[in-house]
Amino acid sequence: MNKSEFTRAYADRLNVTIKEAEVLVATFIDTITACLQNGEYVHISGFATFDLKDKKAREGVNPASKEKVVIPACKSPNAKFSKSYKKIFN
């Protein structure tokens, strides 16, 4: 399911137009993104926690040239799903 298919399914469940659902989905994503950019974490009880993980600089290999390269340190978004949410699927 891609974003547009998700938006259509979301609109059907809420009985709203696709345009309204697009705004709701985009706002949800934008809010989580803004919180992460501000250094906050987002915890949605019973669903997931979103935060940023610091990745250290490391050495890698360019697959095309087999040359060793240094991959710089960066921050990476991370989502960890709650036990109760995971339990739904098992």
N, C-alpha and C. Protein backbone atom coordinates (compact mmCIF):
# COMPACT_ATOMS: atom_id res chain seq x y z
N MET A 1 0.85 -1.17 0.00
CA MET A 1 0.00 0.00 0.00
C MET A 1 0.89 1.23 0.00
N ASN A 2 0.70 2.10 -0.97
CA ASN A 2 1.47 3.34 -1.00
C ASN A 2 0.68 4.46 -0.33
N LYS A 3 1.25 5.66 -0.32
CA LYS A 3 0.64 6.77 0.40
C LYS A 3 -0.75 7.12 -0.14
N SER A 4 -0.91 7.14 -1.45
CA SER A 4 -2.22 7.50 -2.01
C SER A 4 -3.26 6.43 -1.72
N GLU A 5 -2.86 5.17 -1.76
CA GLU A 5 -3.79 4.09 -1.41
C GLU A 5 -4.16 4.16 0.06
N PHE A 6 -3.17 4.47 0.91
CA PHE A 6 -3.44 4.63 2.33
C PHE A 6 -4.41 5.78 2.57
N THR A 7 -4.18 6.89 1.88
CA THR A 7 -5.04 8.07 2.03
C THR A 7 -6.47 7.74 1.62
N ARG A 8 -6.63 7.00 0.54
CA ARG A 8 -7.98 6.61 0.08
C ARG A 8 -8.65 5.71 1.13
N ALA A 9 -7.92 4.74 1.67
CA ALA A 9 -8.48 3.85 2.70
C ALA A 9 -8.83 4.64 3.96
N TYR A 10 -7.98 5.59 4.32
CA TYR A 10 -8.22 6.45 5.48
C TYR A 10 -9.49 7.29 5.26
N ALA A 11 -9.63 7.83 4.06
CA ALA A 11 -10.83 8.62 3.73
C ALA A 11 -12.09 7.76 3.83
N ASP A 12 -12.01 6.54 3.34
CA ASP A 12 -13.16 5.64 3.40
C ASP A 12 -13.55 5.32 4.84
N ARG A 13 -12.54 5.08 5.69
CA ARG A 13 -12.83 4.74 7.10
C ARG A 13 -13.43 5.91 7.85
N LEU A 14 -12.98 7.13 7.52
CA LEU A 14 -13.48 8.32 8.22
C LEU A 14 -14.72 8.91 7.55
N ASN A 15 -15.04 8.39 6.37
CA ASN A 15 -16.17 8.91 5.59
C ASN A 15 -15.99 10.41 5.29
N VAL A 16 -14.76 10.75 4.82
CA VAL A 16 -14.44 12.11 4.40
C VAL A 16 -13.93 12.05 2.97
N THR A 17 -13.75 13.22 2.38
CA THR A 17 -13.22 13.26 1.01
C THR A 17 -11.73 12.90 1.01
N ILE A 18 -11.25 12.54 -0.15
CA ILE A 18 -9.83 12.20 -0.28
C ILE A 18 -8.98 13.43 0.01
N LYS A 19 -9.42 14.60 -0.42
CA LYS A 19 -8.68 15.84 -0.15
C LYS A 19 -8.55 16.09 1.35
N GLU A 20 -9.64 15.86 2.10
CA GLU A 20 -9.59 16.04 3.56
C GLU A 20 -8.64 15.03 4.19
N ALA A 21 -8.68 13.79 3.71
CA ALA A 21 -7.80 12.75 4.23
C ALA A 21 -6.34 13.07 3.91
N GLU A 22 -6.08 13.63 2.72
CA GLU A 22 -4.71 14.01 2.36
C GLU A 22 -4.17 15.04 3.34
N VAL A 23 -5.00 16.00 3.72
CA VAL A 23 -4.59 17.02 4.68
C VAL A 23 -4.30 16.38 6.04
N LEU A 24 -5.16 15.47 6.47
CA LEU A 24 -4.98 14.81 7.76
C LEU A 24 -3.69 13.97 7.79
N VAL A 25 -3.46 13.20 6.76
CA VAL A 25 -2.27 12.36 6.69
C VAL A 25 -1.01 13.23 6.63
N ALA A 26 -1.03 14.26 5.79
CA ALA A 26 0.12 15.16 5.67
C ALA A 26 0.40 15.88 6.99
N THR A 27 -0.64 16.30 7.67
CA THR A 27 -0.48 16.99 8.96
C THR A 27 0.12 16.05 10.00
N PHE A 28 -0.33 14.81 10.04
CA PHE A 28 0.22 13.82 10.96
C PHE A 28 1.72 13.63 10.72
N ILE A 29 2.10 13.44 9.47
CA ILE A 29 3.51 13.23 9.12
C ILE A 29 4.32 14.49 9.41
N ASP A 30 3.80 15.66 9.02
CA ASP A 30 4.52 16.92 9.25
C ASP A 30 4.71 17.20 10.73
N THR A 31 3.73 16.87 11.56
CA THR A 31 3.84 17.10 13.00
C THR A 31 4.93 16.23 13.61
N ILE A 32 4.96 14.96 13.24
CA ILE A 32 6.01 14.08 13.74
C ILE A 32 7.38 14.58 13.27
N THR A 33 7.49 14.97 12.02
CA THR A 33 8.74 15.46 11.47
C THR A 33 9.21 16.71 12.20
N ALA A 34 8.30 17.66 12.44
CA ALA A 34 8.66 18.90 13.14
C ALA A 34 9.14 18.62 14.56
N CYS A 35 8.48 17.71 15.24
CA CYS A 35 8.89 17.35 16.60
C CYS A 35 10.30 16.75 16.60
N LEU A 36 10.57 15.86 15.66
CA LEU A 36 11.89 15.25 15.58
C LEU A 36 12.96 16.28 15.24
N GLN A 37 12.64 17.22 14.36
CA GLN A 37 13.59 18.27 14.00
C GLN A 37 13.90 19.17 15.19
N ASN A 38 12.95 19.31 16.12
CA ASN A 38 13.15 20.12 17.32
C ASN A 38 13.83 19.35 18.44
N GLY A 39 14.22 18.10 18.16
CA GLY A 39 14.91 17.31 19.15
C GLY A 39 13.98 16.58 20.12
N GLU A 40 12.69 16.61 19.87
CA GLU A 40 11.73 15.93 20.72
C GLU A 40 11.52 14.50 20.23
N TYR A 41 10.97 13.67 21.08
CA TYR A 41 10.52 12.36 20.62
C TYR A 41 9.01 12.34 20.70
N VAL A 42 8.41 11.47 19.92
CA VAL A 42 6.96 11.37 19.86
C VAL A 42 6.57 9.98 20.35
N HIS A 43 5.73 9.93 21.38
CA HIS A 43 5.26 8.65 21.92
C HIS A 43 3.74 8.62 21.77
N ILE A 44 3.25 7.70 20.97
CA ILE A 44 1.82 7.50 20.80
C ILE A 44 1.50 6.19 21.50
N SER A 45 0.92 6.31 22.68
CA SER A 45 0.68 5.15 23.55
C SER A 45 -0.09 4.07 22.81
N GLY A 46 0.39 2.83 22.92
CA GLY A 46 -0.26 1.70 22.27
C GLY A 46 0.06 1.56 20.80
N PHE A 47 0.91 2.44 20.27
CA PHE A 47 1.26 2.37 18.86
C PHE A 47 2.77 2.37 18.65
N ALA A 48 3.42 3.53 18.84
CA ALA A 48 4.85 3.60 18.54
C ALA A 48 5.50 4.81 19.20
N THR A 49 6.84 4.77 19.24
CA THR A 49 7.65 5.89 19.66
C THR A 49 8.56 6.25 18.49
N PHE A 50 8.62 7.53 18.18
CA PHE A 50 9.47 8.02 17.09
C PHE A 50 10.56 8.89 17.70
N ASP A 51 11.80 8.67 17.30
CA ASP A 51 12.90 9.50 17.78
C ASP A 51 14.02 9.51 16.76
N LEU A 52 15.09 10.25 17.08
CA LEU A 52 16.26 10.31 16.22
C LEU A 52 17.39 9.53 16.87
N LYS A 53 18.10 8.77 16.08
CA LYS A 53 19.27 8.02 16.55
C LYS A 53 20.51 8.65 15.94
N ASP A 54 21.54 8.82 16.77
CA ASP A 54 22.82 9.31 16.27
C ASP A 54 23.61 8.13 15.69
N LYS A 55 24.03 8.28 14.46
CA LYS A 55 24.88 7.25 13.84
C LYS A 55 26.29 7.80 13.77
N LYS A 56 27.24 7.02 14.23
CA LYS A 56 28.64 7.44 14.21
C LYS A 56 29.19 7.32 12.79
N ALA A 57 30.26 8.08 12.55
CA ALA A 57 30.96 7.96 11.27
C ALA A 57 31.53 6.55 11.18
N ARG A 58 31.55 6.02 9.97
CA ARG A 58 32.04 4.66 9.79
C ARG A 58 32.65 4.52 8.40
N GLU A 59 33.39 3.45 8.25
CA GLU A 59 34.02 3.20 6.96
C GLU A 59 33.15 2.26 6.14
N GLY A 60 33.01 2.57 4.87
CA GLY A 60 32.22 1.73 3.97
C GLY A 60 33.00 1.49 2.69
N VAL A 61 32.37 0.77 1.77
CA VAL A 61 33.01 0.46 0.49
C VAL A 61 32.07 0.88 -0.64
N ASN A 62 32.60 1.62 -1.59
CA ASN A 62 31.85 1.99 -2.78
C ASN A 62 31.70 0.72 -3.63
N PRO A 63 30.48 0.23 -3.83
CA PRO A 63 30.31 -1.04 -4.55
C PRO A 63 30.75 -0.98 -6.01
N ALA A 64 30.71 0.20 -6.61
CA ALA A 64 31.10 0.32 -8.01
C ALA A 64 32.62 0.25 -8.19
N SER A 65 33.36 0.96 -7.33
CA SER A 65 34.81 1.03 -7.50
C SER A 65 35.58 0.21 -6.47
N LYS A 66 34.87 -0.35 -5.50
CA LYS A 66 35.48 -1.12 -4.40
C LYS A 66 36.42 -0.26 -3.55
N GLU A 67 36.31 1.05 -3.71
CA GLU A 67 37.14 1.99 -2.96
C GLU A 67 36.56 2.21 -1.57
N LYS A 68 37.43 2.29 -0.56
CA LYS A 68 36.97 2.56 0.80
C LYS A 68 36.62 4.03 0.93
N VAL A 69 35.49 4.31 1.58
CA VAL A 69 35.04 5.68 1.80
C VAL A 69 34.59 5.83 3.25
N VAL A 70 34.65 7.06 3.75
CA VAL A 70 34.18 7.34 5.10
C VAL A 70 32.76 7.86 5.00
N ILE A 71 31.85 7.19 5.69
CA ILE A 71 30.45 7.62 5.75
C ILE A 71 30.34 8.52 6.97
N PRO A 72 29.96 9.80 6.77
CA PRO A 72 29.95 10.73 7.89
C PRO A 72 28.86 10.42 8.93
N ALA A 73 29.06 10.93 10.14
CA ALA A 73 28.07 10.78 11.20
C ALA A 73 26.79 11.50 10.77
N CYS A 74 25.65 10.99 11.22
CA CYS A 74 24.37 11.61 10.89
C CYS A 74 23.32 11.22 11.91
N LYS A 75 22.17 11.82 11.78
CA LYS A 75 21.02 11.45 12.61
C LYS A 75 20.03 10.74 11.71
N SER A 76 19.38 9.70 12.26
CA SER A 76 18.46 8.90 11.47
C SER A 76 17.16 8.73 12.23
N PRO A 77 16.01 8.96 11.57
CA PRO A 77 14.74 8.74 12.26
C PRO A 77 14.53 7.27 12.58
N ASN A 78 13.90 7.02 13.71
CA ASN A 78 13.70 5.66 14.18
C ASN A 78 12.28 5.52 14.72
N ALA A 79 11.64 4.41 14.41
CA ALA A 79 10.31 4.11 14.94
C ALA A 79 10.38 2.78 15.68
N LYS A 80 9.87 2.77 16.91
CA LYS A 80 9.82 1.54 17.68
C LYS A 80 8.37 1.31 18.07
N PHE A 81 7.82 0.18 17.64
CA PHE A 81 6.42 -0.11 17.89
C PHE A 81 6.23 -0.72 19.27
N SER A 82 5.10 -0.42 19.89
CA SER A 82 4.82 -0.90 21.25
C SER A 82 4.53 -2.39 21.25
N LYS A 83 4.72 -2.99 22.41
CA LYS A 83 4.47 -4.42 22.56
C LYS A 83 3.00 -4.74 22.26
N SER A 84 2.10 -3.89 22.75
CA SER A 84 0.67 -4.17 22.54
C SER A 84 0.31 -4.09 21.05
N TYR A 85 0.95 -3.22 20.31
CA TYR A 85 0.69 -3.11 18.87
C TYR A 85 1.27 -4.33 18.14
N LYS A 86 2.48 -4.74 18.51
CA LYS A 86 3.09 -5.92 17.89
C LYS A 86 2.26 -7.17 18.17
N LYS A 87 1.66 -7.22 19.35
CA LYS A 87 0.89 -8.39 19.76
C LYS A 87 -0.31 -8.64 18.84
N ILE A 88 -0.83 -7.60 18.21
CA ILE A 88 -1.96 -7.71 17.29
C ILE A 88 -1.63 -8.67 16.13
N PHE A 89 -0.36 -8.71 15.74
CA PHE A 89 0.05 -9.44 14.55
C PHE A 89 0.56 -10.84 14.85
N ASN A 90 0.67 -11.20 16.12
CA ASN A 90 1.19 -12.52 16.47
C ASN A 90 0.19 -13.31 17.27
